[in-house]
C-alpha cells in the first residue's frame, strides 16, 4: 500500500507533516494493506490563509485493487484534527467496502446460469 500526501500552498508543516501523515495512515490502515493499492491524502486551507473556524480540510482517497476509489473528508480548525476525523471516516468506509466485497464473493446465488430466478 502506497501512501501519498499533498498540501496546498497555505498549509504549514512541510516535510514533517507529510512524514507524520504517511506514518499515521500506514499504521491505522495496516489491516487493509492487502486490500488497498494506494492512499492519497490532501490537505488544504479552505479560506486560503485568512483564518476562521474549521478552515482546514483533509480529503483521503483510498484505492482498492480492481474497485472504484473510496473517499472521506473532514474539516476542522487544525490540520491534525481534520486528518484524524478523515482517517476515522475512511477506515469505516474501507472496512464496509471490504466486507461488502467479501459477502458478494462468499454467497451462493439463487439464479440459474442464464441469469433467471427459478420459478419466475
Protein backbone atom coordinates (compact mmCIF):
# COMPACT_ATOMS: atom_id res chain seq x y z
CA UNK A 1 0.00 0.00 0.00
CA UNK A 2 1.48 3.28 -1.13
CA UNK A 3 0.64 6.48 0.81
CA UNK A 4 0.96 9.87 -0.89
CA UNK A 5 0.44 13.23 0.81
CA UNK A 6 -0.20 16.56 -0.91
CA UNK A 7 -0.78 20.02 0.54
CA UNK A 8 -1.82 23.34 -0.88
CA UNK A 9 0.36 26.46 -0.55
CA UNK A 10 -1.42 27.64 2.61
CA UNK A 11 -0.74 24.59 4.80
CA UNK A 12 2.24 24.85 7.13
CA UNK A 13 4.27 21.81 8.10
CA UNK A 14 6.23 20.79 5.04
CA UNK A 15 8.13 17.52 5.08
CA UNK A 16 7.44 16.79 8.76
CA UNK A 17 3.67 16.98 8.17
CA UNK A 18 3.98 14.69 5.16
CA UNK A 19 6.04 12.10 7.06
CA UNK A 20 3.70 12.21 10.06
CA UNK A 21 0.59 11.77 7.89
CA UNK A 22 2.19 8.90 5.95
CA UNK A 23 3.19 7.16 9.16
CA UNK A 24 -0.22 7.59 10.81
CA UNK A 25 -2.12 6.46 7.72
CA UNK A 26 0.13 3.43 7.24
CA UNK A 27 -0.33 2.42 10.87
CA UNK A 28 -4.10 2.98 11.05
CA UNK A 29 -4.82 1.36 7.68
CA UNK A 30 -2.40 -1.57 8.17
CA UNK A 31 -5.21 -4.12 8.32
CA UNK A 32 -6.24 -3.07 4.79
CA UNK A 33 -2.73 -3.20 3.27
CA UNK A 34 -3.60 -6.21 1.09
CA UNK A 35 -6.91 -4.66 0.02
CA UNK A 36 -5.67 -1.14 -0.85
CA UNK A 37 -3.11 -0.32 -3.52
CA UNK A 38 -2.79 3.40 -2.80
CA UNK A 39 -3.96 6.04 -0.33
CA UNK A 40 -3.84 9.73 -1.22
CA UNK A 41 -4.13 12.41 1.45
CA UNK A 42 -4.86 16.03 0.51
CA UNK A 43 -4.57 18.90 2.99
CA UNK A 44 -5.96 22.32 2.13
CA UNK A 45 -6.95 25.61 3.71
CA UNK A 46 -10.44 26.48 2.51
CA UNK A 47 -10.02 30.16 3.44
CA UNK A 48 -6.64 30.46 1.70
CA UNK A 49 -4.77 31.55 4.81
CA UNK A 50 -7.30 34.13 6.03
CA UNK A 51 -8.16 32.21 9.19
CA UNK A 52 -11.51 31.19 10.53
CA UNK A 53 -13.21 28.26 12.15
CA UNK A 54 -13.00 24.85 10.50
CA UNK A 55 -10.94 26.15 7.60
CA UNK A 56 -8.52 23.20 7.38
CA UNK A 57 -9.69 20.35 5.17
CA UNK A 58 -8.38 16.83 4.81
CA UNK A 59 -9.56 14.58 1.99
CA UNK A 60 -8.41 10.97 1.95
CA UNK A 61 -8.87 8.83 -1.14
CA UNK A 62 -8.29 5.09 -0.83
CA UNK A 63 -7.92 2.92 -3.90
CA UNK A 64 -8.84 -0.75 -3.52
CA UNK A 65 -7.38 -3.10 -6.12
CA UNK A 66 -9.77 -3.52 -9.07
CA UNK A 67 -12.52 -1.39 -7.48
CA UNK A 68 -13.66 2.23 -7.58
CA UNK A 69 -11.81 4.69 -5.31
CA UNK A 70 -13.30 5.50 -1.91
CA UNK A 71 -13.03 8.87 -0.20
CA UNK A 72 -13.72 10.71 3.03
CA UNK A 73 -13.22 14.31 4.06
CA UNK A 74 -13.29 16.33 7.24
CA UNK A 75 -12.96 20.00 8.16
CA UNK A 76 -11.53 21.34 11.42
CA UNK A 77 -9.70 24.35 12.79
CA UNK A 78 -6.43 22.34 12.98
CA UNK A 79 -4.83 20.15 10.31
CA UNK A 80 -4.28 17.32 12.80
CA UNK A 81 -7.96 17.30 13.82
CA UNK A 82 -9.15 17.28 10.22
CA UNK A 83 -6.74 14.44 9.43
CA UNK A 84 -7.82 12.37 12.45
CA UNK A 85 -11.51 12.76 11.58
CA UNK A 86 -10.99 11.95 7.89
CA UNK A 87 -8.85 8.94 8.80
CA UNK A 88 -11.57 7.55 11.08
CA UNK A 89 -14.14 8.04 8.32
CA UNK A 90 -12.03 6.35 5.63
CA UNK A 91 -11.33 3.40 7.93
CA UNK A 92 -15.08 2.90 8.29
CA UNK A 93 -15.71 3.31 4.56
CA UNK A 94 -12.93 0.91 3.55
CA UNK A 95 -13.99 -1.64 6.16
CA UNK A 96 -17.59 -1.54 4.94
CA UNK A 97 -16.47 -1.81 1.31
CA UNK A 98 -14.19 -4.75 2.06
CA UNK A 99 -16.99 -6.58 3.88
CA UNK A 100 -19.39 -5.91 1.01
CA UNK A 101 -16.96 -7.44 -1.48
CA UNK A 102 -16.30 -10.42 0.78
CA UNK A 103 -20.03 -11.01 1.15
CA UNK A 104 -20.55 -10.92 -2.62
CA UNK A 105 -17.80 -13.45 -3.16
CA UNK A 106 -18.96 -15.81 -0.43
CA UNK A 107 -22.70 -16.03 -1.08
CA UNK A 108 -24.41 -18.57 -3.23
CA UNK A 109 -26.88 -17.27 -5.76
CA UNK A 110 -30.42 -18.43 -6.40
CA UNK A 111 -30.10 -17.52 -10.05
CA UNK A 112 -29.62 -20.10 -12.74
CA UNK A 113 -26.57 -19.90 -15.06
CA UNK A 114 -28.64 -17.98 -17.65
CA UNK A 115 -29.47 -15.26 -15.08
CA UNK A 116 -33.10 -16.19 -14.40
CA UNK A 117 -34.56 -16.69 -10.94
CA UNK A 118 -36.16 -20.17 -10.65
CA UNK A 119 -39.96 -20.12 -10.54
CA UNK A 120 -40.34 -16.77 -12.31
